[in-house]
Amino acid sequence: MTTPPETVADVTVVMPAMNRAHLIGRALESIAEQTVRPREVIVVDDASTDDTVAVAREHGATVIELPVNGGSGPARNRGIEAATTEWIAFLDSDDAWHPDHLERVLASSVGHVLVAGAGSSTGGRLLGNAWRRDVELTSIDLVAPGDLVCTSGTIVRKQALVDAGLFRPLRRAQDLDMWVRVLQQGSGLALAEPTFTYHLHEQQAINDTELMRECYTRIVEHCAEQSWFSAADVDRAFTKWHWDDLRTAQAGRDVGAVAHHAGWFVRRPHTWSSLSKLLRGRRLSRTRG
């Protein structure tokens, strides 16, 4: 029996990494095991002081070494600029694709500038689209109520990234900021089924909640300057933060804070449907993780 020819797609994988020698091999192995292979894998090393570069090269990746640490957004930009393919696929160095990830997202890519597979976390939750059906995406969907796109499950047309201005140097949530602007270039799709594994660990940037909120606020303020984003949408975008703060205040028996956040919702009935959708999505993510 002859082996069928390997299918190679017009895709470049861009992976920023800093001091991930102990993790990046798993991510790169998951790329090598794809049923549809990318044309190239570019690891952008963000001034690592460990063996990240050596491990990446051992796995056959093209490595761009940056002399000064600038963050994952600028690192991704270097990889995008170096890519020559139509599509850019993103994978973080601490995550891993399922073997059919690229095959599945590419099969759904016709007519879209962005397609995102969901992720199953090692903590037992589903990340991204939890709605048991594929969801068409617009910019507003990503922030109100949000949480529909995970970077490690995403492929994007290179031209859409360029036309959107590439990643901006936010210290956190630069991927959300990018996808909001990409979806001004065309439509997107969030797939219902997981196509990658999100590995939890203590070094993840998402654990810095205060910095995440600061950067998220800047993104919402930028959206508020656009004609498609209303004052009511600004409130909807902050629904999840006020709800989480309300629950934290309840747990801490902080009566003043409970009254403050509850009053915020009472004065903004236009946020109630967003809150309902947020809570239903979170419940579904727990049952499908």
Protein backbone atom coordinates (compact mmCIF):
# COMPACT_ATOMS: atom_id res chain seq x y z
CA MET A 1 0.00 0.00 0.00
CA THR A 2 1.36 3.42 -0.93
CA THR A 3 1.28 6.28 1.55
CA PRO A 4 -0.93 9.19 0.39
CA PRO A 5 0.96 12.40 -0.31
CA GLU A 6 1.22 14.79 2.61
CA THR A 7 -1.23 17.68 2.44
CA VAL A 8 0.45 21.05 2.94
CA ALA A 9 -1.70 24.15 3.33
CA ASP A 10 -0.82 27.76 2.50
CA VAL A 11 -0.40 28.52 6.20
CA THR A 12 2.41 29.87 8.37
CA VAL A 13 2.31 29.15 12.08
CA VAL A 14 3.52 32.09 14.16
CA MET A 15 4.55 31.33 17.74
CA PRO A 16 6.06 33.92 20.12
CA ALA A 17 8.12 32.45 22.95
CA MET A 18 10.22 33.59 25.87
CA ASN A 19 11.92 31.14 28.23
CA ARG A 20 9.67 28.25 27.20
CA ALA A 21 12.31 25.58 26.57
CA HIS A 22 10.41 23.22 28.88
CA LEU A 23 7.08 23.71 27.07
CA ILE A 24 7.66 24.64 23.43
CA GLY A 25 8.55 21.12 22.30
CA ARG A 26 5.02 19.90 23.06
CA ALA A 27 3.50 22.74 21.03
CA LEU A 28 5.78 22.11 18.05
CA GLU A 29 5.16 18.37 18.15
CA SER A 30 1.42 19.05 17.92
CA ILE A 31 2.07 21.00 14.71
CA ALA A 32 4.14 18.17 13.26
CA GLU A 33 1.25 15.75 13.93
CA GLN A 34 -1.33 17.74 11.92
CA THR A 35 -3.39 15.91 9.28
CA VAL A 36 -2.92 19.04 7.15
CA ARG A 37 0.54 20.51 7.60
CA PRO A 38 1.46 24.21 7.52
CA ARG A 39 3.94 25.41 4.93
CA GLU A 40 6.17 26.97 7.58
CA VAL A 41 6.52 27.34 11.34
CA ILE A 42 8.08 30.57 12.65
CA VAL A 43 9.06 30.84 16.28
CA VAL A 44 9.84 34.41 17.34
CA ASP A 45 12.10 34.22 20.36
CA ASP A 46 11.50 37.25 22.57
CA ALA A 47 14.99 37.52 24.11
CA SER A 48 14.95 34.18 25.97
CA THR A 49 17.71 33.36 28.42
CA ASP A 50 17.14 29.60 28.34
CA ASP A 51 17.30 26.99 25.53
CA THR A 52 14.07 27.99 23.78
CA VAL A 53 15.87 28.75 20.50
CA ALA A 54 17.73 25.44 20.48
CA VAL A 55 14.59 23.41 21.22
CA ALA A 56 12.64 25.24 18.50
CA ARG A 57 15.34 24.56 15.92
CA GLU A 58 15.55 20.91 16.96
CA HIS A 59 11.87 20.64 16.01
CA GLY A 60 12.46 22.18 12.57
CA ALA A 61 11.06 25.66 13.18
CA THR A 62 12.40 28.80 11.57
CA VAL A 63 13.55 31.00 14.46
CA ILE A 64 13.66 34.79 14.55
CA GLU A 65 15.69 35.95 17.54
CA LEU A 66 14.84 39.32 19.06
CA PRO A 67 17.64 40.94 21.09
CA VAL A 68 15.29 42.84 23.42
CA ASN A 69 12.08 41.61 25.00
CA GLY A 70 9.12 43.50 23.56
CA GLY A 71 6.10 41.34 24.39
CA SER A 72 4.05 38.82 22.45
CA GLY A 73 2.28 41.36 20.21
CA PRO A 74 5.42 42.85 18.61
CA ALA A 75 6.91 39.34 18.44
CA ARG A 76 3.89 38.09 16.50
CA ASN A 77 4.23 41.06 14.16
CA ARG A 78 7.76 39.99 13.23
CA GLY A 79 6.50 36.53 12.40
CA ILE A 80 3.60 37.87 10.34
CA GLU A 81 5.92 40.16 8.37
CA ALA A 82 8.23 37.25 7.59
CA ALA A 83 5.42 34.93 6.46
CA THR A 84 4.71 34.52 2.73
CA THR A 85 1.47 32.51 2.97
CA GLU A 86 -2.17 33.57 2.65
CA TRP A 87 -3.05 32.40 6.15
CA ILE A 88 -1.41 32.91 9.53
CA ALA A 89 -2.14 30.37 12.26
CA PHE A 90 -1.39 31.27 15.86
CA LEU A 91 -0.31 28.85 18.56
CA ASP A 92 1.08 29.85 21.94
CA SER A 93 4.17 27.99 23.07
CA ASP A 94 2.42 26.48 26.10
CA ASP A 95 -0.60 25.06 24.23
CA ALA A 96 -1.08 22.18 21.78
CA TRP A 97 -3.27 21.60 18.74
CA HIS A 98 -5.43 18.54 18.28
CA PRO A 99 -4.18 16.55 15.25
CA ASP A 100 -7.00 17.78 12.97
CA HIS A 101 -6.95 21.43 14.09
CA LEU A 102 -5.67 22.97 10.85
CA GLU A 103 -7.81 20.69 8.70
CA ARG A 104 -10.95 21.71 10.55
CA VAL A 105 -10.40 25.47 10.71
CA LEU A 106 -9.33 25.63 7.05
CA ALA A 107 -12.42 23.67 6.00
CA SER A 108 -14.53 26.48 7.49
CA SER A 109 -12.47 29.37 6.19
CA VAL A 110 -14.20 30.14 2.88
CA GLY A 111 -15.53 33.71 2.90
CA HIS A 112 -13.99 34.59 6.26
CA VAL A 113 -10.94 36.52 7.38
CA LEU A 114 -10.76 34.76 10.77
CA VAL A 115 -11.71 31.30 12.00
CA ALA A 116 -11.24 30.17 15.60
CA GLY A 117 -11.48 26.70 17.09
CA ALA A 118 -12.47 26.37 20.73
CA GLY A 119 -10.05 25.10 23.36
CA SER A 120 -10.39 22.49 26.08
CA SER A 121 -8.40 23.51 29.14
CA THR A 122 -6.49 21.18 31.42
CA GLY A 123 -8.62 22.66 34.21
CA GLY A 124 -11.73 21.07 32.77
CA ARG A 125 -13.36 24.02 30.99
CA LEU A 126 -14.15 24.90 27.41
CA LEU A 127 -12.56 28.16 26.21
CA GLY A 128 -13.97 30.17 23.34
CA ASN A 129 -17.30 29.32 21.75
CA ALA A 130 -19.38 27.26 24.22
CA TRP A 131 -22.70 27.49 22.36
CA ARG A 132 -22.78 24.00 20.74
CA ARG A 133 -23.03 25.60 17.29
CA ASP A 134 -20.70 27.59 15.07
CA VAL A 135 -21.09 31.33 15.67
CA GLU A 136 -20.63 34.06 13.06
CA LEU A 137 -18.45 36.81 14.50
CA THR A 138 -18.43 40.58 14.32
CA SER A 139 -16.18 42.96 16.24
CA ILE A 140 -18.87 43.75 18.79
CA ASP A 141 -19.33 40.05 19.64
CA LEU A 142 -15.77 39.90 20.94
CA VAL A 143 -16.31 42.45 23.70
CA ALA A 144 -20.01 42.26 24.54
CA PRO A 145 -20.19 39.73 26.13
CA GLY A 146 -16.94 38.44 24.59
CA ASP A 147 -14.74 35.38 25.21
CA LEU A 148 -15.49 33.74 21.84
CA VAL A 149 -11.97 33.63 20.36
CA CYS A 150 -8.83 32.01 21.79
CA THR A 151 -5.56 32.85 20.09
CA SER A 152 -4.16 29.31 19.96
CA GLY A 153 -7.20 28.17 17.96
CA THR A 154 -7.13 31.02 15.43
CA ILE A 155 -6.21 31.35 11.76
CA VAL A 156 -6.35 34.76 10.07
CA ARG A 157 -5.74 35.96 6.53
CA LYS A 158 -2.40 37.75 6.48
CA GLN A 159 -3.76 40.64 4.44
CA ALA A 160 -6.48 41.26 7.04
CA LEU A 161 -3.84 41.45 9.76
CA VAL A 162 -1.79 43.90 7.72
CA ASP A 163 -4.79 46.03 6.80
CA ALA A 164 -5.84 46.15 10.46
CA GLY A 165 -2.43 47.50 11.44
CA LEU A 166 -0.97 44.36 13.09
CA PHE A 167 -0.71 43.90 16.86
CA ARG A 168 -0.46 46.99 19.01
CA PRO A 169 1.99 46.97 21.96
CA LEU A 170 -0.55 46.42 24.74
CA ARG A 171 0.93 44.52 27.67
CA ARG A 172 -2.16 42.29 27.91
CA ALA A 173 -5.18 41.44 25.72
CA GLN A 174 -3.33 42.49 22.56
CA ASP A 175 -4.90 39.51 20.80
CA LEU A 176 -8.46 40.65 21.61
CA ASP A 177 -7.54 44.13 20.36
CA MET A 178 -6.22 42.58 17.14
CA TRP A 179 -9.28 40.42 16.45
CA VAL A 180 -11.64 43.38 17.00
CA ARG A 181 -9.76 45.29 14.29
CA VAL A 182 -9.41 42.26 11.98
CA LEU A 183 -13.17 41.79 11.98
CA GLN A 184 -13.49 45.29 10.55
CA GLN A 185 -11.91 43.76 7.43
CA GLY A 186 -14.41 40.91 7.02
CA SER A 187 -16.40 38.21 8.76
CA GLY A 188 -15.26 35.61 11.24
CA LEU A 189 -16.41 32.23 12.55
CA ALA A 190 -16.03 30.62 15.98
CA LEU A 191 -16.25 26.83 15.77
CA ALA A 192 -18.30 24.89 18.29
CA GLU A 193 -15.91 22.01 18.85
CA PRO A 194 -12.49 22.14 20.57
CA THR A 195 -9.49 21.96 18.26
CA PHE A 196 -6.69 22.62 20.77
CA THR A 197 -5.69 22.08 24.40
CA TYR A 198 -5.10 25.08 26.64
CA HIS A 199 -2.52 24.12 29.25
CA LEU A 200 -2.87 25.95 32.56
CA HIS A 201 0.22 26.99 34.52
CA GLU A 202 1.23 29.68 37.00
CA GLN A 203 3.27 31.79 34.55
CA GLN A 204 0.34 32.66 32.29
CA ALA A 205 -0.19 36.36 31.68
CA ILE A 206 -3.96 36.03 32.15
CA ASN A 207 -3.36 35.55 35.87
CA ASP A 208 -2.48 39.26 36.23
CA THR A 209 -6.09 40.40 36.60
CA GLU A 210 -5.47 44.09 37.30
CA LEU A 211 -3.23 44.58 34.27
CA MET A 212 -5.70 42.61 32.14
CA ARG A 213 -8.50 44.94 33.20
CA GLU A 214 -6.43 48.03 32.50
CA CYS A 215 -5.67 46.87 28.95
CA TYR A 216 -9.24 45.69 28.38
CA THR A 217 -10.48 49.15 29.37
CA ARG A 218 -8.19 50.71 26.76
CA ILE A 219 -9.61 48.38 24.12
CA VAL A 220 -13.19 49.29 25.02
CA GLU A 221 -12.31 52.99 24.96
CA HIS A 222 -10.88 52.52 21.46
CA CYS A 223 -14.07 50.74 20.37
CA ALA A 224 -16.15 53.58 21.81
CA GLU A 225 -14.49 55.93 19.31
CA GLN A 226 -15.95 53.88 16.44
CA SER A 227 -19.38 54.48 14.91
CA TRP A 228 -20.42 50.83 15.33
CA PHE A 229 -19.94 50.84 19.13
CA SER A 230 -22.54 52.71 21.21
CA ALA A 231 -22.54 53.94 24.79
CA ALA A 232 -24.82 51.01 25.65
CA ASP A 233 -22.24 48.67 24.14
CA VAL A 234 -19.62 50.15 26.46
CA ASP A 235 -21.79 49.15 29.41
CA ARG A 236 -22.31 45.67 27.97
CA ALA A 237 -18.56 45.27 27.55
CA PHE A 238 -18.04 45.87 31.29
CA THR A 239 -20.86 43.58 32.38
CA LYS A 240 -18.56 40.67 33.18
CA TRP A 241 -16.24 42.77 35.34
CA HIS A 242 -19.10 44.21 37.41
CA TRP A 243 -20.65 40.78 37.84
CA ASP A 244 -17.38 39.22 38.97
CA ASP A 245 -16.77 42.12 41.36
CA LEU A 246 -20.31 41.73 42.72
CA ARG A 247 -19.73 38.02 43.40
CA THR A 248 -16.38 38.76 45.04
CA ALA A 249 -18.02 41.39 47.26
CA GLN A 250 -20.75 38.94 48.23
CA ALA A 251 -18.20 36.31 49.17
CA GLY A 252 -16.30 38.87 51.24
CA ARG A 253 -19.51 40.25 52.79
CA ASP A 254 -18.60 43.73 51.62
CA VAL A 255 -22.04 45.32 51.80
CA GLY A 256 -20.96 48.63 50.29
CA ALA A 257 -19.34 47.01 47.25
CA VAL A 258 -22.34 44.72 46.77
CA ALA A 259 -24.64 47.74 46.73
CA HIS A 260 -22.37 49.58 44.31
CA HIS A 261 -22.22 46.80 41.72
CA ALA A 262 -25.86 45.79 42.13
CA GLY A 263 -26.82 49.43 41.63
CA TRP A 264 -24.75 49.52 38.45
CA PHE A 265 -26.95 46.76 36.99
CA VAL A 266 -30.19 48.30 38.28
CA ARG A 267 -29.37 51.55 36.49
CA ARG A 268 -28.47 49.74 33.26
CA PRO A 269 -31.27 47.34 32.26
CA HIS A 270 -29.76 47.17 28.76
CA THR A 271 -26.97 45.03 30.26
CA TRP A 272 -29.28 42.34 31.64
CA SER A 273 -29.47 40.30 28.44
CA SER A 274 -25.68 40.43 28.16
CA LEU A 275 -25.37 39.21 31.75
CA SER A 276 -27.78 36.37 31.06
CA LYS A 277 -25.79 35.36 27.99
CA LEU A 278 -22.51 35.60 29.90
CA LEU A 279 -23.76 33.33 32.67
CA ARG A 280 -25.25 30.80 30.25
CA GLY A 281 -21.98 30.72 28.31
CA ARG A 282 -19.97 30.16 31.47
CA ARG A 283 -22.28 27.37 32.55
CA LEU A 284 -21.94 25.66 29.18
CA SER A 285 -18.14 26.03 29.27
CA ARG A 286 -18.06 24.12 32.56
CA THR A 287 -20.23 21.28 31.28
CA ARG A 288 -18.26 20.85 28.04
CA GLY A 289 -14.66 21.30 29.20
